[in-house]
Protein backbone atom coordinates (compact mmCIF):
# COMPACT_ATOMS: atom_id res chain seq x y z
CA UNK A 1 -0.22 0.04 -0.17
CA UNK A 2 1.33 3.47 -1.49
CA UNK A 3 1.55 5.53 1.60
CA UNK A 4 2.32 9.11 -0.39
CA UNK A 5 -0.54 10.89 -1.59
CA UNK A 6 -0.73 13.91 -4.01
CA UNK A 7 -2.21 16.70 -2.20
CA UNK A 8 -3.86 18.70 -4.43
CA UNK A 9 -3.61 22.36 -3.09
CA UNK A 10 -2.10 23.95 -6.14
CA UNK A 11 1.51 23.49 -5.79
CA UNK A 12 1.39 19.71 -6.55
CA UNK A 13 3.88 18.91 -3.76
CA UNK A 14 3.70 15.45 -2.43
CA UNK A 15 2.89 14.88 1.51
CA UNK A 16 4.75 12.24 3.53
CA UNK A 17 2.81 10.74 5.43
CA UNK A 18 4.73 7.84 6.87
CA UNK A 19 6.16 9.06 10.38
CA UNK A 20 8.82 7.45 11.98
CA UNK A 21 8.36 5.70 15.40
CA UNK A 22 10.78 6.55 18.26
CA UNK A 23 12.25 3.26 19.32
CA UNK A 24 11.25 2.63 22.87
CA UNK A 25 14.50 3.42 25.39
CA UNK A 26 15.87 1.07 27.68
CA UNK A 27 15.08 1.50 31.23
CA UNK A 28 18.05 3.54 32.97
CA UNK A 29 19.99 0.58 34.86
CA UNK A 30 20.78 1.67 38.47
CA UNK A 31 24.55 1.80 39.04
CA UNK A 32 24.22 0.44 42.48
CA UNK A 33 27.38 -0.49 44.60
CA UNK A 34 27.27 -4.43 44.33
CA UNK A 35 26.94 -5.96 48.21
CA UNK A 36 28.64 -8.76 49.42
CA UNK A 37 26.87 -11.35 51.33
CA UNK A 38 28.62 -10.01 55.18
CA UNK A 39 26.75 -6.82 54.95
CA UNK A 40 23.84 -8.22 54.01
CA UNK A 41 23.76 -10.41 56.59
CA UNK A 42 24.96 -8.18 59.36
CA UNK A 43 22.48 -5.51 58.26
CA UNK A 44 18.81 -6.79 59.32
CA UNK A 45 20.27 -8.01 62.73
CA UNK A 46 22.24 -4.58 63.59
CA UNK A 47 19.06 -2.54 62.38
CA UNK A 48 16.62 -4.91 64.60
CA UNK A 49 19.38 -4.30 67.70
CA UNK A 50 19.99 -0.51 67.28
CA UNK A 51 16.18 0.37 66.66
CA UNK A 52 15.38 -1.67 69.91
CA UNK A 53 18.11 0.32 72.05
CA UNK A 54 17.82 3.74 70.03
CA UNK A 55 13.90 3.94 70.61
CA UNK A 56 13.84 4.65 74.49
CA UNK A 57 16.74 7.01 73.76
CA UNK A 58 14.83 9.19 70.76
CA UNK A 59 11.83 9.27 73.35
CA UNK A 60 13.55 10.51 76.21
CA UNK A 61 15.41 13.06 73.96
CA UNK A 62 12.27 14.45 72.24
CA UNK A 63 10.47 14.43 76.44
CA UNK A 64 13.95 16.70 77.44
CA UNK A 65 13.16 18.98 74.36
CA UNK A 66 9.81 19.56 74.77
CA UNK A 67 10.56 20.07 78.74
CA UNK A 68 13.13 22.33 78.41
CA UNK A 69 11.02 24.34 75.67
CA UNK A 70 8.07 24.67 78.26
CA UNK A 71 10.66 25.52 81.01
CA UNK A 72 12.49 28.23 78.45
CA UNK A 73 8.51 29.28 78.02
CA UNK A 74 7.30 29.40 81.17
CA UNK A 75 9.96 29.69 84.04
CA UNK A 76 13.56 30.78 82.14
CA UNK A 77 12.70 33.62 79.86
CA UNK A 78 10.55 35.43 82.09
CA UNK A 79 13.08 34.74 85.40
CA UNK A 80 15.78 36.50 82.87
CA UNK A 81 13.76 39.02 82.01
CA UNK A 82 12.84 40.12 86.01
CA UNK A 83 16.95 39.38 86.50
CA UNK A 84 17.81 42.01 83.68
CA UNK A 85 15.13 44.53 84.94
CA UNK A 86 16.31 43.82 88.65
CA UNK A 87 19.84 44.48 87.60
CA UNK A 88 19.11 47.55 85.55
CA UNK A 89 17.33 48.69 88.71
CA UNK A 90 20.11 47.72 90.87
CA UNK A 91 23.25 48.60 89.03
CA UNK A 92 22.41 50.74 85.88
CA UNK A 93 19.94 53.27 86.96
CA UNK A 94 22.04 54.42 90.00
CA UNK A 95 24.86 54.87 88.44
CA UNK A 96 22.90 56.63 85.23
CA UNK A 97 21.49 58.81 87.73
CA UNK A 98 24.61 59.39 89.62
CA UNK A 99 26.65 60.22 86.37
CA UNK A 100 23.65 62.68 85.10
CA UNK A 101 22.83 64.53 88.14
CA UNK A 102 25.92 64.44 90.37
CA UNK A 103 29.18 63.86 88.68
CA UNK A 104 28.17 65.96 84.99
CA UNK A 105 27.07 68.82 87.16
CA UNK A 106 29.82 68.79 89.76
CA UNK A 107 32.25 68.57 86.62
CA UNK A 108 30.99 71.44 85.13
CA UNK A 109 31.28 73.20 87.89
CA UNK A 110 34.73 72.36 88.85
CA UNK A 111 35.46 73.29 84.63
CA UNK A 112 33.84 76.29 85.34
CA UNK A 113 36.05 77.21 88.74
CA UNK A 114 39.16 75.91 86.93
CA UNK A 115 38.32 78.26 83.87
CA UNK A 116 37.75 81.25 86.16
CA UNK A 117 40.35 80.54 88.69
CA UNK A 118 43.24 79.10 86.78
CA UNK A 119 42.76 79.70 83.06
CA UNK A 120 41.79 83.29 82.90
CA UNK A 121 44.76 84.34 85.18
CA UNK A 122 47.17 82.36 83.51
CA UNK A 123 45.84 83.84 79.70
CA UNK A 124 46.02 87.20 81.46
CA UNK A 125 49.41 86.52 82.75
CA UNK A 126 50.59 85.44 79.31
CA UNK A 127 48.93 87.66 77.44
CA UNK A 128 50.13 90.88 79.82
CA UNK A 129 53.40 89.55 81.03
CA UNK A 130 55.27 86.88 79.90
CA UNK A 131 54.29 87.72 75.89
CA UNK A 132 55.91 91.54 76.45
CA UNK A 133 59.21 90.06 78.52
CA UNK A 134 59.44 87.10 76.21
CA UNK A 135 59.89 89.85 73.15
CA UNK A 136 62.23 91.76 75.29
CA UNK A 137 64.24 88.74 75.73
CA UNK A 138 64.74 87.83 72.44
CA UNK A 139 65.38 91.22 71.30
CA UNK A 140 68.10 91.41 73.96
CA UNK A 141 69.53 87.79 73.00
CA UNK A 142 68.83 88.63 68.79
CA UNK A 143 71.38 91.86 69.78
CA UNK A 144 73.89 89.31 71.88
CA UNK A 145 73.94 87.38 69.18
CA UNK A 146 74.49 89.96 66.80
CA UNK A 147 77.31 91.36 68.28
CA UNK A 148 79.24 87.74 69.41
CA UNK A 149 78.33 86.91 65.56
CA UNK A 150 80.07 89.47 64.23
CA UNK A 151 83.15 88.87 66.88
CA UNK A 152 83.53 85.20 65.72
CA UNK A 153 83.57 86.36 62.40
CA UNK A 154 85.96 88.65 62.41
CA UNK A 155 88.45 86.15 64.49
CA UNK A 156 87.63 83.73 62.20
CA UNK A 157 88.88 85.47 59.30
CA UNK A 158 91.74 87.59 60.83
CA UNK A 159 93.04 84.88 62.86
CA UNK A 160 91.67 81.44 62.74
CA UNK A 161 92.23 81.21 58.90
CA UNK A 162 96.22 82.35 58.25
CA UNK A 163 96.84 79.92 61.06
CA UNK A 164 95.06 76.93 59.27
CA UNK A 165 96.45 77.78 56.25
CA UNK A 166 100.13 78.07 57.99
CA UNK A 167 99.23 74.59 59.53
CA UNK A 168 98.53 72.54 56.01
CA UNK A 169 101.61 73.92 54.59
CA UNK A 170 103.45 72.49 56.72
CA UNK A 171 101.33 69.50 57.38
CA UNK A 172 101.98 68.96 53.06
CA UNK A 173 105.46 69.02 53.54
CA UNK A 174 105.84 66.72 56.42
CA UNK A 175 103.47 64.27 54.33
CA UNK A 176 105.69 64.65 51.23
CA UNK A 177 108.68 63.73 53.15
CA UNK A 178 107.01 60.79 54.74
CA UNK A 179 105.33 59.59 51.79
CA UNK A 180 109.13 59.43 50.08
CA UNK A 181 110.68 57.49 53.20
CA UNK A 182 107.81 55.01 53.22
CA UNK A 183 108.12 54.40 49.68
CA UNK A 184 111.81 53.52 49.63
CA UNK A 185 111.19 51.61 53.24
CA UNK A 186 108.32 49.61 51.22
CA UNK A 187 110.42 48.57 48.18
CA UNK A 188 113.27 47.15 50.01
CA UNK A 189 110.84 45.36 52.59
CA UNK A 190 109.28 43.75 49.22
CA UNK A 191 112.11 42.84 47.89
CA UNK A 192 113.29 40.88 51.09
CA UNK A 193 110.41 39.43 51.44
CA UNK A 194 110.25 37.96 48.41
CA UNK A 195 113.64 36.76 48.25
CA UNK A 196 113.48 35.52 51.46
CA UNK A 197 110.04 34.07 52.04
CA UNK A 198 108.09 33.68 48.82
CA UNK A 199 110.80 32.11 46.12
CA UNK A 200 111.75 29.25 49.11
CA UNK A 201 107.57 29.09 49.76
CA UNK A 202 107.25 27.93 46.06
CA UNK A 203 110.57 25.95 46.00
CA UNK A 204 109.39 23.77 48.85
CA UNK A 205 105.23 23.54 47.82
CA UNK A 206 106.75 22.68 44.26
CA UNK A 207 109.25 20.10 45.17
CA UNK A 208 108.38 18.59 48.48
CA UNK A 209 104.08 19.27 49.56
CA UNK A 210 102.60 18.48 46.24
CA UNK A 211 104.48 15.11 45.28
CA UNK A 212 103.54 14.10 49.18
CA UNK A 213 100.05 15.54 49.25
CA UNK A 214 99.11 13.28 46.03
CA UNK A 215 100.24 10.18 47.68
CA UNK A 216 98.65 10.66 50.66
CA UNK A 217 95.32 11.78 48.47
CA UNK A 218 95.98 8.33 46.63
CA UNK A 219 96.20 6.82 50.24
CA UNK A 220 92.97 8.86 51.29
CA UNK A 221 91.21 7.16 47.87
CA UNK A 222 92.16 3.68 48.25
CA UNK A 223 90.91 3.32 52.06
CA UNK A 224 87.89 5.45 51.21
CA UNK A 225 87.24 3.17 48.45
CA UNK A 226 87.92 -0.33 50.62
CA UNK A 227 85.64 1.24 53.63
CA UNK A 228 82.75 1.69 50.77
CA UNK A 229 82.96 -2.04 49.88
CA UNK A 230 82.75 -3.07 53.60
CA UNK A 231 79.76 -0.71 54.68
CA UNK A 232 78.23 -1.71 51.25
CA UNK A 233 78.33 -5.41 51.74
CA UNK A 234 77.33 -4.84 55.54
CA UNK A 235 74.53 -2.67 54.34
CA UNK A 236 73.07 -4.89 51.60
CA UNK A 237 73.51 -7.75 54.25
CA UNK A 238 71.42 -6.12 56.63
CA UNK A 239 68.75 -4.66 53.92
CA UNK A 240 68.22 -8.80 53.35
CA UNK A 241 67.91 -9.61 56.98
CA UNK A 242 65.82 -7.14 58.12
CA UNK A 243 63.74 -7.76 54.76
CA UNK A 244 63.33 -11.10 55.48
CA UNK A 245 63.00 -10.98 59.33
CA UNK A 246 60.60 -7.98 59.35
CA UNK A 247 59.39 -6.63 56.14
CA UNK A 248 57.72 -9.77 54.63
CA UNK A 249 56.15 -11.00 57.85
CA UNK A 250 54.74 -7.67 58.56
CA UNK A 251 53.54 -7.75 54.47
CA UNK A 252 52.09 -10.96 54.87
CA UNK A 253 50.39 -9.67 58.27
CA UNK A 254 48.81 -6.67 56.81
CA UNK A 255 48.07 -8.47 53.54
CA UNK A 256 46.33 -11.60 55.15
CA UNK A 257 45.36 -10.26 58.72
CA UNK A 258 44.60 -6.87 58.92
CA UNK A 259 43.29 -6.09 55.17
CA UNK A 260 40.62 -8.51 55.74
CA UNK A 261 39.80 -7.66 58.98
CA UNK A 262 39.92 -3.86 58.51
CA UNK A 263 37.33 -4.58 55.52
CA UNK A 264 35.07 -6.85 58.00
CA UNK A 265 35.58 -3.73 60.53
CA UNK A 266 34.42 -1.00 57.91
CA UNK A 267 31.72 -3.00 56.68
CA UNK A 268 30.41 -3.30 60.48
CA UNK A 269 31.30 0.05 61.42
CA UNK A 270 29.42 1.88 57.88
CA UNK A 271 25.91 -0.63 58.67
CA UNK A 272 25.92 0.37 62.07
CA UNK A 273 26.06 3.90 61.34
CA UNK A 274 23.54 3.41 58.87
CA UNK A 275 21.48 1.38 61.11
CA UNK A 276 21.74 4.55 63.55
CA UNK A 277 20.80 7.10 60.90
CA UNK A 278 17.40 4.71 59.97
CA UNK A 279 16.73 3.91 63.93
CA UNK A 280 17.02 7.94 64.74
CA UNK A 281 15.02 8.25 62.11
CA UNK A 282 12.39 5.72 62.82
CA UNK A 283 12.45 6.76 66.34
CA UNK A 284 11.68 9.76 65.52
CA UNK A 285 8.79 9.09 63.68
CA UNK A 286 7.91 6.70 67.09
CA UNK A 287 8.07 9.23 69.37
CA UNK A 288 6.24 11.97 67.26
CA UNK A 289 3.44 9.25 67.36
CA UNK A 290 3.39 8.74 70.92
CA UNK A 291 3.63 12.46 71.39
CA UNK A 292 0.69 12.89 69.50
CA UNK A 293 -1.07 9.83 71.31
CA UNK A 294 -0.34 11.33 74.42
CA UNK A 295 -1.46 14.86 73.83
CA UNK A 296 -4.79 13.49 72.34
CA UNK A 297 -5.30 11.72 75.37
CA UNK A 298 -4.66 14.53 77.49
CA UNK A 299 -6.68 16.54 75.27
CA UNK A 300 -9.83 14.55 75.47
CA UNK A 301 -8.77 13.40 79.61
CA UNK A 302 -8.44 16.73 80.75
CA UNK A 303 -9.12 19.68 77.94
CA UNK A 304 -12.04 18.56 76.50
CA UNK A 305 -13.85 18.16 79.80
CA UNK A 306 -12.25 21.27 81.26
CA UNK A 307 -13.38 22.79 78.46
CA UNK A 308 -17.24 21.57 78.00
CA UNK A 309 -17.76 22.56 81.68
CA UNK A 310 -16.57 26.04 81.02
CA UNK A 311 -19.10 26.29 77.96
CA UNK A 312 -21.72 24.11 79.16
CA UNK A 313 -21.55 24.91 83.06
CA UNK A 314 -19.64 27.91 84.30
CA UNK A 315 -20.52 30.35 81.62
CA UNK A 316 -24.44 29.88 82.24
CA UNK A 317 -23.82 30.32 85.54
CA UNK A 318 -21.84 32.62 84.98
CA UNK A 319 -24.52 34.55 83.09
CA UNK A 320 -26.86 34.03 85.15
CA UNK A 321 -25.24 35.22 88.42
CA UNK A 322 -24.04 38.05 86.50
CA UNK A 323 -27.94 38.88 85.16
CA UNK A 324 -29.29 37.92 88.59
CA UNK A 325 -27.15 39.24 90.98
CA UNK A 326 -24.16 41.31 89.74
CA UNK A 327 -26.19 43.55 87.87
CA UNK A 328 -28.93 44.47 90.06
CA UNK A 329 -26.41 44.59 92.56
CA UNK A 330 -24.68 47.43 90.67
CA UNK A 331 -27.73 49.13 90.07
CA UNK A 332 -28.34 49.41 92.89
CA UNK A 333 -25.10 50.25 94.66
CA UNK A 334 -25.53 53.25 91.49
CA UNK A 335 -28.60 54.26 92.85
CA UNK A 336 -27.36 54.44 96.58
CA UNK A 337 -24.67 56.60 95.42
CA UNK A 338 -26.62 58.93 93.21
CA UNK A 339 -28.88 59.00 96.32
CA UNK A 340 -25.98 59.95 98.86
CA UNK A 341 -24.58 62.33 96.56
CA UNK A 342 -28.18 64.30 96.40
CA UNK A 343 -28.37 64.02 100.33
CA UNK A 344 -24.84 65.32 100.63
CA UNK A 345 -25.36 68.31 97.91
CA UNK A 346 -28.72 69.58 100.04
CA UNK A 347 -26.82 69.43 103.44
CA UNK A 348 -24.12 71.16 101.43
CA UNK A 349 -26.84 74.18 100.45
CA UNK A 350 -28.46 74.15 103.49
CA UNK A 351 -25.20 74.45 105.37
CA UNK A 352 -24.64 77.45 102.68
CA UNK A 353 -27.89 78.99 103.73
CA UNK A 354 -27.46 78.65 107.11
CA UNK A 355 -24.31 79.99 107.35
CA UNK A 356 -25.30 83.31 105.04
CA UNK A 357 -28.77 83.96 107.27
CA UNK A 358 -26.00 83.77 110.59
CA UNK A 359 -23.90 86.29 108.65
CA UNK A 360 -26.88 88.52 107.82
CA UNK A 361 -28.15 88.69 111.18
CA UNK A 362 -24.89 88.86 112.86
CA UNK A 363 -23.58 92.36 110.28
CA UNK A 364 -26.67 93.31 108.57
CA UNK A 365 -27.44 93.37 104.62
CA UNK A 366 -24.28 93.60 102.80
CA UNK A 367 -24.16 97.02 101.17
CA UNK A 368 -24.88 97.09 97.28
CA UNK A 369 -22.36 98.91 94.90
CA UNK A 370 -23.24 101.91 93.84
CA UNK A 371 -23.61 102.39 89.99
CA UNK A 372 -21.03 104.63 88.18
CA UNK A 373 -22.34 107.31 85.49
CA UNK A 374 -20.40 106.69 82.43
CA UNK A 375 -22.86 108.31 80.28
CA UNK A 376 -24.81 105.27 78.71
CA UNK A 377 -28.21 105.59 77.64
CA UNK A 378 -30.39 103.82 79.85
CA UNK A 379 -32.11 100.74 78.49
CA UNK A 380 -35.29 102.60 77.87
CA UNK A 381 -33.61 105.32 75.87
CA UNK A 382 -32.29 103.77 72.24
CA UNK A 383 -29.23 105.60 70.67
CA UNK A 384 -29.69 107.31 67.78
CA UNK A 385 -27.39 109.18 65.17
CA UNK A 386 -27.62 112.29 66.71
CA UNK A 387 -27.12 111.64 70.23
CA UNK A 388 -23.63 111.51 71.55
CA UNK A 389 -22.31 109.33 74.67
CA UNK A 390 -18.89 111.34 75.05
CA UNK A 391 -18.34 114.24 77.55
CA UNK A 392 -16.86 116.23 74.78
CA UNK A 393 -19.64 116.56 72.37
CA UNK A 394 -22.47 116.23 74.92
CA UNK A 395 -24.97 118.47 74.31
């Protein structure tokens, strides 16, 4: 059957209807490390034993963690805050108050006294006394130094310079004489040293010391070769003896005893470590489940009954007591308070009236203040534009 059919869409091209089905890929092969029979035989018993040993430890650990958090939230943190506040109140705040209200004012007062009693007099003494005296001393020292410098310059120019030149001329003559004498003596000594010391020493080295030294060097080389051969033989013998007696047995013990034992111990240690990890995680889940079960049990035994008693018994009883006893009692107390306040106000007013009547009975009626005529119109007369209220424009 032909799978290629022409598409009649104007261009006359062929459409390939064959589709290549992708070949199923092979599943990835897990590259797990091969395990021996020893690891497989050790794993299950070790994990069971470690789980049995770790579960109580993990549960005790979780219980200690919960107890520690509870103690930290309920006791240690408030106690720490109280101790911190007490420490501040006992140690910090007294010193702060002492510094702020005692030391700082006293220091400012002492600074002001020091400024008034020491700094101001010293500044005045420096400006008015020491500065003029210093200027005078400096002027006198400058004048004296100028005179002494002029005298020293005259002495140097007209006395020391000619004397120095004469001394240098004499010293140059003596130096020339001494140089000539020294050159002659050096030439004589060099000639004597050459023919009395150098020439005999060269002859002795060439014809006596050199042959004797060569002979001694040849003998020393022979002795060194003989000693090296003896040492090489002894070293070779000791090497083979030590290799046979120590190295080969140690190598055999390492290869056939320690290496297998180490591998077994490594497998055991690795399995124990893995077992501890698995047991600790499983013990965590077990401890979490036990903790949730205990929390749920505590909730249904204590919390839920207490909550039910509070909601179903105490709250209605409290509402009844509030509506039937507390509110009427509060309203009665407020009524008694209002009546008491009114009675007290009436008593105060009666006392005030009695006191006023007693004062009128003893001293009579108090004098009424006389009105002052300010030129203002009375209430019966209305103010108009033609009228005036001032004394200057009054008709």
